[in-house]
Structures are given as structure tokens and as C-alpha cells.
């Protein structure tokens, strides 16, 4: 049976399954500021159980991604930059960086904010008829907006631009959904499996991957939203943890909830809340500053990955 709750994070989906899944390889490396998790989904059965596409997923989970010093930011950018290069086998490419999302809604503006800060070079390659530069790759950007603002499906815009400029690599950035409050704005996922825009909030518009676009695709995202059921679920978990340190009667106090598995409990809470909150989505306080900082980190990571001679601004 596949996962029963909504998350865009492949590592988070794998956490919900206690048993070892054949066709899933998972490696974790502890680093100075957090953990780097390599997860690979290798076959169709693993796809079904995790509810995620086959491919490689690199997840960087930081203990403090929101409040990094200048030196620490450089460390994180180095980690993310190397991860982008490794998962894409990036060498000499014609890169199109696509920022998905709605610029007018801060929690959904990560993609467009990142593209604003990308070092764009395609115009110089065209102006000087260059095929190669020692310090820079040919890079262009696209922020296609959302259907409600443009009247055009995002995937149609991207397909049209890809057919016209013929990049060899797409890097797509999007805000994601998580099912853990602690992961909001604290996790970066990088994958070669592509992306399904809007899937985290139940508004999937189609798949963006190598099969649908005919070009290598790397998707990068940070969770910026959770649903109300996740907040209640996390609160109950914290209550249960606190009670265990104070009493042996946790089962009696918590009742049936203490006997439910994590995903069962989440779905039970969601069922109760749905009539009142109608799938409400929640984002952290201070989201404007968070998106600004996180878009800086992602943009610098991409710039460093795609441009051999790029110097960090920090």
C-alpha cells in the first residue's frame, strides 16, 4: 500500500514505512549543520509503495537553515552546489532555470525569487556567437507564472521554451509541502526524477521530467507549507512524548490515538478537521524574510554549480 498522506519529500515518504523496501537504497551522512540523505528509488514496486517517481533524491536537512552565519551559508551552498553537480553529471551544458510558483503569494514565490538571482549568460553567448567559455555555461531563466494569472498551463509554457531554445539541462525550482512542522524551510530536496507542480497542495498539473520534456531535468525544492492536520498531528505527538516522561498512563490519557500508526493517525485527524478547515494550508511566520534568505542560498548554489568561475557574493 502506498503512503496515505501528502508530502513532496521522498525521504519523508520513506520514513512512514517501517519495513525495508526492496528497490530503495538509503544512505545518511551527518554533516556540521545537518544531514545529507541519499535516497534512490530503483523499481516500479518501490515507486508504488513510496508514491514517488523512480530516480535519485538528495535531501539536505539542516538543524538551522533559517539562521546561518555568513561562513555557514557558504558551507551549505558548497554542499548544495556539489549535490546539484553530482546528481546531474553537470559539465558543459545549456541550462534553463525554471522558477515555478506564484510571485504574489510569498509561500509559493520561492521559484520566481530564485530565478531573479540567477547569473544569466545566454544573451552574451548569442551576441558574441560563443559556444564555450571557461568560466560560464550558457544559462537562461523562465518564471512561467501560474494558470490563474497567465491563462496558460505551466507545462505548456515550459515545453514551448524548451522546443525553441533547446537546453541540455533544466533546473526547476518549486516550493514544496511537508508533513512535519520541523521541516518547514529547513530541508532542500534535489532530484533527477522531475517534479509534479502543485501536487503538494492537491493541484497537480502534469509531470515535468525527462520523459515529458525530452531533456535532463533536475528539480529542487524547499517545503514552505503544511496542512492543518499536520500541525495537530505534530502537537499530539509532542503531548504524547511529554506525557511519557511524566506518567505510565499515556495509553489511558491519549485513548485510541496512542494505538494508531503515524499515517493512520494523520488521516484520522485530517478526516475530523476537513469539514471545519477544508484542507487549509499553513506557512510559518516570518515567511517573507525566510523566502528571501532561502532564495539567496538556492540561487548561489545553482550559480556555483553551473558556472565554473562563479564567485559567491557572500
C-alpha atoms as a PDB file:
ATOM      1  CA  UNK A   1       0.000   0.000   0.000  1.00  0.00           C
ATOM      2  CA  UNK A   2       1.328   3.484  -0.849  1.00  0.00           C
ATOM      3  CA  UNK A   3       1.574   6.411   1.517  1.00  0.00           C
ATOM      4  CA  UNK A   4      -1.729   7.852   2.716  1.00  0.00           C
ATOM      5  CA  UNK A   5      -0.752  11.453   3.364  1.00  0.00           C
ATOM      6  CA  UNK A   6       0.552  14.324   1.304  1.00  0.00           C
ATOM      7  CA  UNK A   7       4.239  15.205   1.088  1.00  0.00           C
ATOM      8  CA  UNK A   8       6.579  16.251  -1.704  1.00  0.00           C
ATOM      9  CA  UNK A   9       9.630  14.869   0.120  1.00  0.00           C
ATOM     10  CA  UNK A  10      10.684  11.369  -0.946  1.00  0.00           C
ATOM     11  CA  UNK A  11      12.727  10.877   2.228  1.00  0.00           C
ATOM     12  CA  UNK A  12       9.711  11.830   4.325  1.00  0.00           C
ATOM     13  CA  UNK A  13       7.583   9.297   2.438  1.00  0.00           C
ATOM     14  CA  UNK A  14      10.152   6.570   3.109  1.00  0.00           C
ATOM     15  CA  UNK A  15      10.107   7.386   6.845  1.00  0.00           C
ATOM     16  CA  UNK A  16       6.466   6.339   7.112  1.00  0.00           C
ATOM     17  CA  UNK A  17       7.248   2.755   6.120  1.00  0.00           C
ATOM     18  CA  UNK A  18       8.857   0.830   8.939  1.00  0.00           C
ATOM     19  CA  UNK A  19       9.791  -2.200   6.831  1.00  0.00           C
ATOM     20  CA  UNK A  20      12.740  -2.255   4.469  1.00  0.00           C
ATOM     21  CA  UNK A  21      11.522  -1.756   0.892  1.00  0.00           C
ATOM     22  CA  UNK A  22      13.198  -3.721  -1.856  1.00  0.00           C
ATOM     23  CA  UNK A  23      14.366  -1.365  -4.582  1.00  0.00           C
ATOM     24  CA  UNK A  24      15.115   1.542  -2.242  1.00  0.00           C
ATOM     25  CA  UNK A  25      18.684   2.498  -1.319  1.00  0.00           C
ATOM     26  CA  UNK A  26      19.104   4.931   1.573  1.00  0.00           C
ATOM     27  CA  UNK A  27      22.358   6.437   2.883  1.00  0.00           C
ATOM     28  CA  UNK A  28      22.707   9.160   5.506  1.00  0.00           C
ATOM     29  CA  UNK A  29      25.753  11.336   6.175  1.00  0.00           C
ATOM     30  CA  UNK A  30      25.937  13.593   9.227  1.00  0.00           C
ATOM     31  CA  UNK A  31      27.466  16.993   8.480  1.00  0.00           C
ATOM     32  CA  UNK A  32      28.320  20.089  10.504  1.00  0.00           C
ATOM     33  CA  UNK A  33      24.941  21.776  10.032  1.00  0.00           C
ATOM     34  CA  UNK A  34      22.680  18.789   9.447  1.00  0.00           C
ATOM     35  CA  UNK A  35      22.317  15.606   7.424  1.00  0.00           C
ATOM     36  CA  UNK A  36      22.701  14.719   3.757  1.00  0.00           C
ATOM     37  CA  UNK A  37      20.400  11.846   2.791  1.00  0.00           C
ATOM     38  CA  UNK A  38      20.858   9.973  -0.498  1.00  0.00           C
ATOM     39  CA  UNK A  39      17.770   8.001  -1.497  1.00  0.00           C
ATOM     40  CA  UNK A  40      17.348   6.076  -4.727  1.00  0.00           C
ATOM     41  CA  UNK A  41      14.075   4.533  -5.895  1.00  0.00           C
ATOM     42  CA  UNK A  42      15.035   1.783  -8.334  1.00  0.00           C
ATOM     43  CA  UNK A  43      11.915  -0.056  -9.474  1.00  0.00           C
ATOM     44  CA  UNK A  44       8.172   0.155 -10.037  1.00  0.00           C
ATOM     45  CA  UNK A  45       7.233  -1.630  -6.806  1.00  0.00           C
ATOM     46  CA  UNK A  46       9.217   0.881  -4.745  1.00  0.00           C
ATOM     47  CA  UNK A  47       7.552   3.690  -6.711  1.00  0.00           C
ATOM     48  CA  UNK A  48       4.115   2.398  -5.719  1.00  0.00           C
ATOM     49  CA  UNK A  49       4.966   1.912  -2.048  1.00  0.00           C
ATOM     50  CA  UNK A  50       6.514   5.363  -1.638  1.00  0.00           C
ATOM     51  CA  UNK A  51       4.238   7.198  -4.051  1.00  0.00           C
ATOM     52  CA  UNK A  52       7.303   8.824  -5.625  1.00  0.00           C
ATOM     53  CA  UNK A  53       8.847   8.578  -9.086  1.00  0.00           C
ATOM     54  CA  UNK A  54      11.850   6.376  -9.775  1.00  0.00           C
ATOM     55  CA  UNK A  55      15.139   8.263  -9.513  1.00  0.00           C
ATOM     56  CA  UNK A  56      17.725   9.735  -7.164  1.00  0.00           C
ATOM     57  CA  UNK A  57      16.800  12.105  -4.356  1.00  0.00           C
ATOM     58  CA  UNK A  58      19.339  14.097  -2.345  1.00  0.00           C
ATOM     59  CA  UNK A  59      17.857  15.669   0.766  1.00  0.00           C
ATOM     60  CA  UNK A  60      19.776  18.179   2.863  1.00  0.00           C
ATOM     61  CA  UNK A  61      18.123  18.652   6.247  1.00  0.00           C
ATOM     62  CA  UNK A  62      19.662  21.398   8.331  1.00  0.00           C
ATOM     63  CA  UNK A  63      19.306  21.969  12.041  1.00  0.00           C
ATOM     64  CA  UNK A  64      19.345  25.706  11.436  1.00  0.00           C
ATOM     65  CA  UNK A  65      18.877  26.566   7.765  1.00  0.00           C
ATOM     66  CA  UNK A  66      16.883  29.631   8.742  1.00  0.00           C
ATOM     67  CA  UNK A  67      19.618  31.358  10.793  1.00  0.00           C
ATOM     68  CA  UNK A  68      23.023  30.773   9.266  1.00  0.00           C
ATOM     69  CA  UNK A  69      26.131  32.921   9.653  1.00  0.00           C
ATOM     70  CA  UNK A  70      27.960  34.038   6.525  1.00  0.00           C
ATOM     71  CA  UNK A  71      30.549  31.260   6.774  1.00  0.00           C
ATOM     72  CA  UNK A  72      27.885  28.660   7.484  1.00  0.00           C
ATOM     73  CA  UNK A  73      25.889  29.819   4.455  1.00  0.00           C
ATOM     74  CA  UNK A  74      28.958  29.291   2.297  1.00  0.00           C
ATOM     75  CA  UNK A  75      29.309  25.764   3.697  1.00  0.00           C
ATOM     76  CA  UNK A  76      25.682  24.950   2.889  1.00  0.00           C
ATOM     77  CA  UNK A  77      25.975  26.469  -0.600  1.00  0.00           C
ATOM     78  CA  UNK A  78      29.037  24.291  -1.228  1.00  0.00           C
ATOM     79  CA  UNK A  79      27.106  21.172  -0.150  1.00  0.00           C
ATOM     80  CA  UNK A  80      24.096  22.006  -2.327  1.00  0.00           C
ATOM     81  CA  UNK A  81      26.226  23.040  -5.292  1.00  0.00           C
ATOM     82  CA  UNK A  82      28.161  19.768  -5.209  1.00  0.00           C
ATOM     83  CA  UNK A  83      24.887  17.827  -4.875  1.00  0.00           C
ATOM     84  CA  UNK A  84      23.443  19.555  -7.963  1.00  0.00           C
ATOM     85  CA  UNK A  85      26.592  18.784  -9.961  1.00  0.00           C
ATOM     86  CA  UNK A  86      26.716  15.168  -8.809  1.00  0.00           C
ATOM     87  CA  UNK A  87      23.068  14.293  -9.455  1.00  0.00           C
ATOM     88  CA  UNK A  88      23.040  15.981 -12.888  1.00  0.00           C
ATOM     89  CA  UNK A  89      26.568  14.967 -14.003  1.00  0.00           C
ATOM     90  CA  UNK A  90      26.812  18.639 -14.868  1.00  0.00           C
ATOM     91  CA  UNK A  91      29.683  19.607 -17.146  1.00  0.00           C
ATOM     92  CA  UNK A  92      29.267  21.850 -20.172  1.00  0.00           C
ATOM     93  CA  UNK A  93      25.551  22.475 -20.580  1.00  0.00           C
ATOM     94  CA  UNK A  94      22.991  24.853 -21.977  1.00  0.00           C
ATOM     95  CA  UNK A  95      20.960  25.397 -18.818  1.00  0.00           C
ATOM     96  CA  UNK A  96      17.402  26.655 -18.437  1.00  0.00           C
ATOM     97  CA  UNK A  97      16.491  27.507 -14.832  1.00  0.00           C
ATOM     98  CA  UNK A  98      12.711  27.485 -14.286  1.00  0.00           C
ATOM     99  CA  UNK A  99      11.105  29.056 -11.225  1.00  0.00           C
ATOM    100  CA  UNK A 100       7.621  27.646 -10.598  1.00  0.00           C
ATOM    101  CA  UNK A 101       5.055  29.344  -8.407  1.00  0.00           C
ATOM    102  CA  UNK A 102       3.040  32.494  -7.821  1.00  0.00           C
ATOM    103  CA  UNK A 103       5.192  35.549  -7.202  1.00  0.00           C
ATOM    104  CA  UNK A 104       2.287  37.303  -5.427  1.00  0.00           C
ATOM    105  CA  UNK A 105       1.933  34.612  -2.730  1.00  0.00           C
ATOM    106  CA  UNK A 106       5.082  34.589  -0.613  1.00  0.00           C
ATOM    107  CA  UNK A 107       4.959  30.928   0.413  1.00  0.00           C
ATOM    108  CA  UNK A 108       4.697  29.984  -3.276  1.00  0.00           C
ATOM    109  CA  UNK A 109       7.226  32.530  -4.549  1.00  0.00           C
ATOM    110  CA  UNK A 110      10.437  30.568  -3.974  1.00  0.00           C
ATOM    111  CA  UNK A 111      10.871  29.615  -7.643  1.00  0.00           C
ATOM    112  CA  UNK A 112      10.444  33.114  -9.134  1.00  0.00           C
ATOM    113  CA  UNK A 113      12.598  34.643  -6.373  1.00  0.00           C
ATOM    114  CA  UNK A 114      15.416  32.220  -7.166  1.00  0.00           C
ATOM    115  CA  UNK A 115      15.308  32.947 -10.903  1.00  0.00           C
ATOM    116  CA  UNK A 116      15.624  36.679 -10.123  1.00  0.00           C
ATOM    117  CA  UNK A 117      19.084  35.947  -8.672  1.00  0.00           C
ATOM    118  CA  UNK A 118      20.477  33.546 -11.284  1.00  0.00           C
ATOM    119  CA  UNK A 119      23.512  34.633 -13.292  1.00  0.00           C
ATOM    120  CA  UNK A 120      22.055  34.748 -16.817  1.00  0.00           C
ATOM    121  CA  UNK A 121      24.549  34.441 -19.691  1.00  0.00           C
ATOM    122  CA  UNK A 122      22.690  33.194 -22.785  1.00  0.00           C
ATOM    123  CA  UNK A 123      22.449  36.696 -24.258  1.00  0.00           C
ATOM    124  CA  UNK A 124      26.241  37.038 -24.249  1.00  0.00           C
ATOM    125  CA  UNK A 125      26.758  33.639 -25.867  1.00  0.00           C
ATOM    126  CA  UNK A 126      24.337  34.683 -28.617  1.00  0.00           C
ATOM    127  CA  UNK A 127      25.696  38.219 -29.033  1.00  0.00           C
ATOM    128  CA  UNK A 128      29.291  37.027 -29.425  1.00  0.00           C
ATOM    129  CA  UNK A 129      28.431  33.746 -31.175  1.00  0.00           C
ATOM    130  CA  UNK A 130      30.176  31.757 -28.444  1.00  0.00           C
ATOM    131  CA  UNK A 131      29.961  28.017 -27.947  1.00  0.00           C
ATOM    132  CA  UNK A 132      32.321  27.807 -24.988  1.00  0.00           C
ATOM    133  CA  UNK A 133      33.500  29.942 -22.078  1.00  0.00           C
ATOM    134  CA  UNK A 134      35.998  28.841 -19.461  1.00  0.00           C
ATOM    135  CA  UNK A 135      34.163  30.463 -16.555  1.00  0.00           C
ATOM    136  CA  UNK A 136      30.495  30.319 -17.532  1.00  0.00           C
ATOM    137  CA  UNK A 137      27.905  27.999 -19.020  1.00  0.00           C
ATOM    138  CA  UNK A 138      25.090  29.259 -21.224  1.00  0.00           C
ATOM    139  CA  UNK A 139      22.239  29.944 -18.776  1.00  0.00           C
ATOM    140  CA  UNK A 140      18.754  31.368 -19.248  1.00  0.00           C
ATOM    141  CA  UNK A 141      15.768  31.646 -16.906  1.00  0.00           C
ATOM    142  CA  UNK A 142      11.994  31.286 -17.064  1.00  0.00           C
ATOM    143  CA  UNK A 143       9.340  32.176 -14.478  1.00  0.00           C
ATOM    144  CA  UNK A 144       6.129  31.000 -16.225  1.00  0.00           C
ATOM    145  CA  UNK A 145       3.719  32.145 -13.511  1.00  0.00           C
ATOM    146  CA  UNK A 146       0.548  30.237 -12.695  1.00  0.00           C
ATOM    147  CA  UNK A 147      -2.543  29.357 -14.714  1.00  0.00           C
ATOM    148  CA  UNK A 148      -4.775  31.685 -12.701  1.00  0.00           C
ATOM    149  CA  UNK A 149      -2.646  34.689 -13.691  1.00  0.00           C
ATOM    150  CA  UNK A 150      -1.469  33.811 -17.208  1.00  0.00           C
ATOM    151  CA  UNK A 151      -4.276  31.635 -18.580  1.00  0.00           C
ATOM    152  CA  UNK A 152      -1.613  29.204 -19.807  1.00  0.00           C
ATOM    153  CA  UNK A 153      -0.769  25.826 -18.281  1.00  0.00           C
ATOM    154  CA  UNK A 154       2.727  25.942 -16.797  1.00  0.00           C
ATOM    155  CA  UNK A 155       3.814  22.781 -18.555  1.00  0.00           C
ATOM    156  CA  UNK A 156       2.784  24.228 -21.957  1.00  0.00           C
ATOM    157  CA  UNK A 157       4.910  27.324 -21.428  1.00  0.00           C
ATOM    158  CA  UNK A 158       7.936  25.258 -20.437  1.00  0.00           C
ATOM    159  CA  UNK A 159       7.551  22.837 -23.361  1.00  0.00           C
ATOM    160  CA  UNK A 160       7.351  25.770 -25.778  1.00  0.00           C
ATOM    161  CA  UNK A 161      10.505  27.421 -24.459  1.00  0.00           C
ATOM    162  CA  UNK A 162      12.407  24.121 -24.386  1.00  0.00           C
ATOM    163  CA  UNK A 163      11.497  23.460 -28.035  1.00  0.00           C
ATOM    164  CA  UNK A 164      12.645  26.960 -29.008  1.00  0.00           C
ATOM    165  CA  UNK A 165      15.975  27.352 -27.169  1.00  0.00           C
ATOM    166  CA  UNK A 166      16.906  23.638 -26.873  1.00  0.00           C
ATOM    167  CA  UNK A 167      18.669  23.493 -23.476  1.00  0.00           C
ATOM    168  CA  UNK A 168      20.582  20.368 -22.462  1.00  0.00           C
ATOM    169  CA  UNK A 169      19.632  20.700 -18.772  1.00  0.00           C
ATOM    170  CA  UNK A 170      16.569  22.033 -16.949  1.00  0.00           C
ATOM    171  CA  UNK A 171      16.809  23.041 -13.303  1.00  0.00           C
ATOM    172  CA  UNK A 172      13.299  23.526 -11.913  1.00  0.00           C
ATOM    173  CA  UNK A 173      12.694  25.187  -8.530  1.00  0.00           C
ATOM    174  CA  UNK A 174       9.433  24.991  -6.620  1.00  0.00           C
ATOM    175  CA  UNK A 175       8.034  25.393  -3.113  1.00  0.00           C
ATOM    176  CA  UNK A 176       7.082  22.021  -1.615  1.00  0.00           C
ATOM    177  CA  UNK A 177       4.717  20.638   1.014  1.00  0.00           C
ATOM    178  CA  UNK A 178       5.850  18.651   4.060  1.00  0.00           C
ATOM    179  CA  UNK A 179       4.057  16.641   6.721  1.00  0.00           C
ATOM    180  CA  UNK A 180       6.345  17.731   9.566  1.00  0.00           C
ATOM    181  CA  UNK A 181       6.370  21.243  11.001  1.00  0.00           C
ATOM    182  CA  UNK A 182      10.063  20.938  11.874  1.00  0.00           C
ATOM    183  CA  UNK A 183      10.934  20.590   8.174  1.00  0.00           C
ATOM    184  CA  UNK A 184       9.346  23.869   7.065  1.00  0.00           C
ATOM    185  CA  UNK A 185      12.078  25.976   5.439  1.00  0.00           C
ATOM    186  CA  UNK A 186      14.706  23.582   6.839  1.00  0.00           C
ATOM    187  CA  UNK A 187      15.048  20.981   4.066  1.00  0.00           C
ATOM    188  CA  UNK A 188      16.304  21.122   0.481  1.00  0.00           C
ATOM    189  CA  UNK A 189      15.397  18.265  -1.887  1.00  0.00           C
ATOM    190  CA  UNK A 190      17.296  17.770  -5.163  1.00  0.00           C
ATOM    191  CA  UNK A 191      16.135  15.042  -7.551  1.00  0.00           C
ATOM    192  CA  UNK A 192      16.552  13.817 -11.110  1.00  0.00           C
ATOM    193  CA  UNK A 193      13.038  12.315 -11.048  1.00  0.00           C
ATOM    194  CA  UNK A 194      11.387  15.545 -12.155  1.00  0.00           C
ATOM    195  CA  UNK A 195       8.501  17.299 -10.473  1.00  0.00           C
ATOM    196  CA  UNK A 196       4.687  17.425 -10.488  1.00  0.00           C
ATOM    197  CA  UNK A 197       3.767  21.091  -9.935  1.00  0.00           C
ATOM    198  CA  UNK A 198       1.001  21.617  -7.394  1.00  0.00           C
ATOM    199  CA  UNK A 199       0.937  18.000  -6.179  1.00  0.00           C
ATOM    200  CA  UNK A 200       1.765  19.018  -2.607  1.00  0.00           C
ATOM    201  CA  UNK A 201      -1.451  21.039  -2.323  1.00  0.00           C
ATOM    202  CA  UNK A 202      -3.616  18.721  -4.407  1.00  0.00           C
ATOM    203  CA  UNK A 203      -3.493  20.749  -7.611  1.00  0.00           C
ATOM    204  CA  UNK A 204      -1.327  18.595  -9.904  1.00  0.00           C
ATOM    205  CA  UNK A 205      -0.994  19.894 -13.459  1.00  0.00           C
ATOM    206  CA  UNK A 206       1.194  17.189 -15.044  1.00  0.00           C
ATOM    207  CA  UNK A 207       4.729  15.855 -14.806  1.00  0.00           C
ATOM    208  CA  UNK A 208       7.871  17.758 -15.706  1.00  0.00           C
ATOM    209  CA  UNK A 209      10.640  15.219 -16.286  1.00  0.00           C
ATOM    210  CA  UNK A 210      12.981  13.885 -18.946  1.00  0.00           C
ATOM    211  CA  UNK A 211      10.236  11.729 -20.476  1.00  0.00           C
ATOM    212  CA  UNK A 212       7.771  14.604 -20.926  1.00  0.00           C
ATOM    213  CA  UNK A 213      10.284  17.307 -21.880  1.00  0.00           C
ATOM    214  CA  UNK A 214      12.944  15.326 -23.749  1.00  0.00           C
ATOM    215  CA  UNK A 215      15.765  16.921 -21.761  1.00  0.00           C
ATOM    216  CA  UNK A 216      17.526  16.120 -18.488  1.00  0.00           C
ATOM    217  CA  UNK A 217      15.599  17.605 -15.545  1.00  0.00           C
ATOM    218  CA  UNK A 218      16.779  18.382 -12.021  1.00  0.00           C
ATOM    219  CA  UNK A 219      14.099  19.541  -9.572  1.00  0.00           C
ATOM    220  CA  UNK A 220      14.997  21.493  -6.436  1.00  0.00           C
ATOM    221  CA  UNK A 221      12.549  22.396  -3.698  1.00  0.00           C
ATOM    222  CA  UNK A 222      12.117  23.536  -0.116  1.00  0.00           C
ATOM    223  CA  UNK A 223       8.955  22.803   1.908  1.00  0.00           C
ATOM    224  CA  UNK A 224       7.183  26.042   2.812  1.00  0.00           C
ATOM    225  CA  UNK A 225       3.697  24.760   3.719  1.00  0.00           C
ATOM    226  CA  UNK A 226       1.939  22.064   5.747  1.00  0.00           C
ATOM    227  CA  UNK A 227      -1.757  21.292   6.133  1.00  0.00           C
ATOM    228  CA  UNK A 228      -3.714  21.821   9.366  1.00  0.00           C
ATOM    229  CA  UNK A 229      -3.822  18.072  10.069  1.00  0.00           C
ATOM    230  CA  UNK A 230      -0.016  18.053  10.206  1.00  0.00           C
ATOM    231  CA  UNK A 231       0.031  20.781  12.865  1.00  0.00           C
ATOM    232  CA  UNK A 232      -2.481  18.902  15.018  1.00  0.00           C
ATOM    233  CA  UNK A 233      -0.651  15.607  14.458  1.00  0.00           C
ATOM    234  CA  UNK A 234       2.712  17.111  15.498  1.00  0.00           C
ATOM    235  CA  UNK A 235       1.090  18.684  18.575  1.00  0.00           C
ATOM    236  CA  UNK A 236      -0.389  15.328  19.646  1.00  0.00           C
ATOM    237  CA  UNK A 237       3.000  13.639  19.150  1.00  0.00           C
ATOM    238  CA  UNK A 238       4.659  16.249  21.373  1.00  0.00           C
ATOM    239  CA  UNK A 239       1.937  15.825  24.013  1.00  0.00           C
ATOM    240  CA  UNK A 240       2.440  12.060  23.972  1.00  0.00           C
ATOM    241  CA  UNK A 241       6.229  12.430  24.243  1.00  0.00           C
ATOM    242  CA  UNK A 242       5.898  14.837  27.175  1.00  0.00           C
ATOM    243  CA  UNK A 243       3.382  12.601  28.955  1.00  0.00           C
ATOM    244  CA  UNK A 244       5.678   9.569  28.664  1.00  0.00           C
ATOM    245  CA  UNK A 245       8.260  11.411  30.765  1.00  0.00           C
ATOM    246  CA  UNK A 246       5.669  12.138  33.446  1.00  0.00           C
ATOM    247  CA  UNK A 247       3.345   9.122  33.668  1.00  0.00           C
ATOM    248  CA  UNK A 248       2.876   5.469  32.753  1.00  0.00           C
ATOM    249  CA  UNK A 249      -0.780   6.045  31.852  1.00  0.00           C
ATOM    250  CA  UNK A 250      -0.198   7.551  28.395  1.00  0.00           C
ATOM    251  CA  UNK A 251      -2.456   4.998  26.688  1.00  0.00           C
ATOM    252  CA  UNK A 252      -5.312   5.750  29.053  1.00  0.00           C
ATOM    253  CA  UNK A 253      -4.921   9.511  28.622  1.00  0.00           C
ATOM    254  CA  UNK A 254      -4.445   9.549  24.836  1.00  0.00           C
ATOM    255  CA  UNK A 255      -7.011   6.824  24.159  1.00  0.00           C
ATOM    256  CA  UNK A 256      -7.261   5.315  20.680  1.00  0.00           C
ATOM    257  CA  UNK A 257      -4.771   7.814  19.228  1.00  0.00           C
ATOM    258  CA  UNK A 258      -1.865   6.129  21.030  1.00  0.00           C
ATOM    259  CA  UNK A 259      -2.633   2.844  19.246  1.00  0.00           C
ATOM    260  CA  UNK A 260      -2.650   4.273  15.723  1.00  0.00           C
ATOM    261  CA  UNK A 261       0.305   4.173  13.342  1.00  0.00           C
ATOM    262  CA  UNK A 262       1.672   7.577  12.283  1.00  0.00           C
ATOM    263  CA  UNK A 263      -0.029   7.662   8.872  1.00  0.00           C
ATOM    264  CA  UNK A 264      -3.289   6.279  10.293  1.00  0.00           C
ATOM    265  CA  UNK A 265      -3.327   8.980  12.956  1.00  0.00           C
ATOM    266  CA  UNK A 266      -2.648  11.682  10.388  1.00  0.00           C
ATOM    267  CA  UNK A 267      -5.521  10.526   8.182  1.00  0.00           C
ATOM    268  CA  UNK A 268      -7.860  10.232  11.197  1.00  0.00           C
ATOM    269  CA  UNK A 269      -7.086  13.820  12.224  1.00  0.00           C
ATOM    270  CA  UNK A 270      -7.481  15.034   8.636  1.00  0.00           C
ATOM    271  CA  UNK A 271     -10.902  13.391   8.401  1.00  0.00           C
ATOM    272  CA  UNK A 272     -12.032  15.174  11.566  1.00  0.00           C
ATOM    273  CA  UNK A 273     -10.668  18.582  10.527  1.00  0.00           C
ATOM    274  CA  UNK A 274     -11.769  18.596   6.889  1.00  0.00           C
ATOM    275  CA  UNK A 275     -15.337  19.868   7.469  1.00  0.00           C
ATOM    276  CA  UNK A 276     -14.001  22.800   9.531  1.00  0.00           C
ATOM    277  CA  UNK A 277     -10.814  23.774   7.721  1.00  0.00           C
ATOM    278  CA  UNK A 278     -11.402  22.450   4.181  1.00  0.00           C
ATOM    279  CA  UNK A 279      -7.780  21.440   3.507  1.00  0.00           C
ATOM    280  CA  UNK A 280      -6.277  24.644   4.921  1.00  0.00           C
ATOM    281  CA  UNK A 281      -2.591  25.196   4.163  1.00  0.00           C
ATOM    282  CA  UNK A 282      -0.335  26.837   6.758  1.00  0.00           C
ATOM    283  CA  UNK A 283       3.032  28.546   6.351  1.00  0.00           C
ATOM    284  CA  UNK A 284       5.487  29.729   9.052  1.00  0.00           C
ATOM    285  CA  UNK A 285       5.594  33.227  10.499  1.00  0.00           C
ATOM    286  CA  UNK A 286       8.253  35.496   9.022  1.00  0.00           C
ATOM    287  CA  UNK A 287       7.815  33.793   5.653  1.00  0.00           C
ATOM    288  CA  UNK A 288       8.853  36.931   3.711  1.00  0.00           C
ATOM    289  CA  UNK A 289      12.313  37.011   5.283  1.00  0.00           C
ATOM    290  CA  UNK A 290      12.645  33.220   5.090  1.00  0.00           C
ATOM    291  CA  UNK A 291      11.882  33.103   1.362  1.00  0.00           C
ATOM    292  CA  UNK A 292      14.353  35.910   0.732  1.00  0.00           C
ATOM    293  CA  UNK A 293      17.144  34.101   2.611  1.00  0.00           C
ATOM    294  CA  UNK A 294      16.366  30.669   1.148  1.00  0.00           C
ATOM    295  CA  UNK A 295      16.150  32.008  -2.410  1.00  0.00           C
ATOM    296  CA  UNK A 296      19.607  33.541  -1.900  1.00  0.00           C
ATOM    297  CA  UNK A 297      21.017  30.181  -0.803  1.00  0.00           C
ATOM    298  CA  UNK A 298      19.436  28.251  -3.677  1.00  0.00           C
ATOM    299  CA  UNK A 299      20.395  30.828  -6.313  1.00  0.00           C
ATOM    300  CA  UNK A 300      24.009  30.929  -5.148  1.00  0.00           C
ATOM    301  CA  UNK A 301      24.118  27.113  -5.067  1.00  0.00           C
ATOM    302  CA  UNK A 302      22.840  26.920  -8.647  1.00  0.00           C
ATOM    303  CA  UNK A 303      25.144  29.715  -9.843  1.00  0.00           C
ATOM    304  CA  UNK A 304      28.159  27.959  -8.339  1.00  0.00           C
ATOM    305  CA  UNK A 305      27.101  24.604  -9.791  1.00  0.00           C
ATOM    306  CA  UNK A 306      26.524  25.793 -13.367  1.00  0.00           C
ATOM    307  CA  UNK A 307      29.271  28.415 -13.676  1.00  0.00           C
ATOM    308  CA  UNK A 308      32.833  27.070 -13.079  1.00  0.00           C
ATOM    309  CA  UNK A 309      34.232  30.546 -12.491  1.00  0.00           C
ATOM    310  CA  UNK A 310      31.418  31.943 -10.356  1.00  0.00           C
ATOM    311  CA  UNK A 311      32.418  33.761  -7.165  1.00  0.00           C
ATOM    312  CA  UNK A 312      29.965  33.704  -4.266  1.00  0.00           C
ATOM    313  CA  UNK A 313      28.535  37.053  -3.242  1.00  0.00           C
ATOM    314  CA  UNK A 314      28.787  36.286   0.485  1.00  0.00           C
END
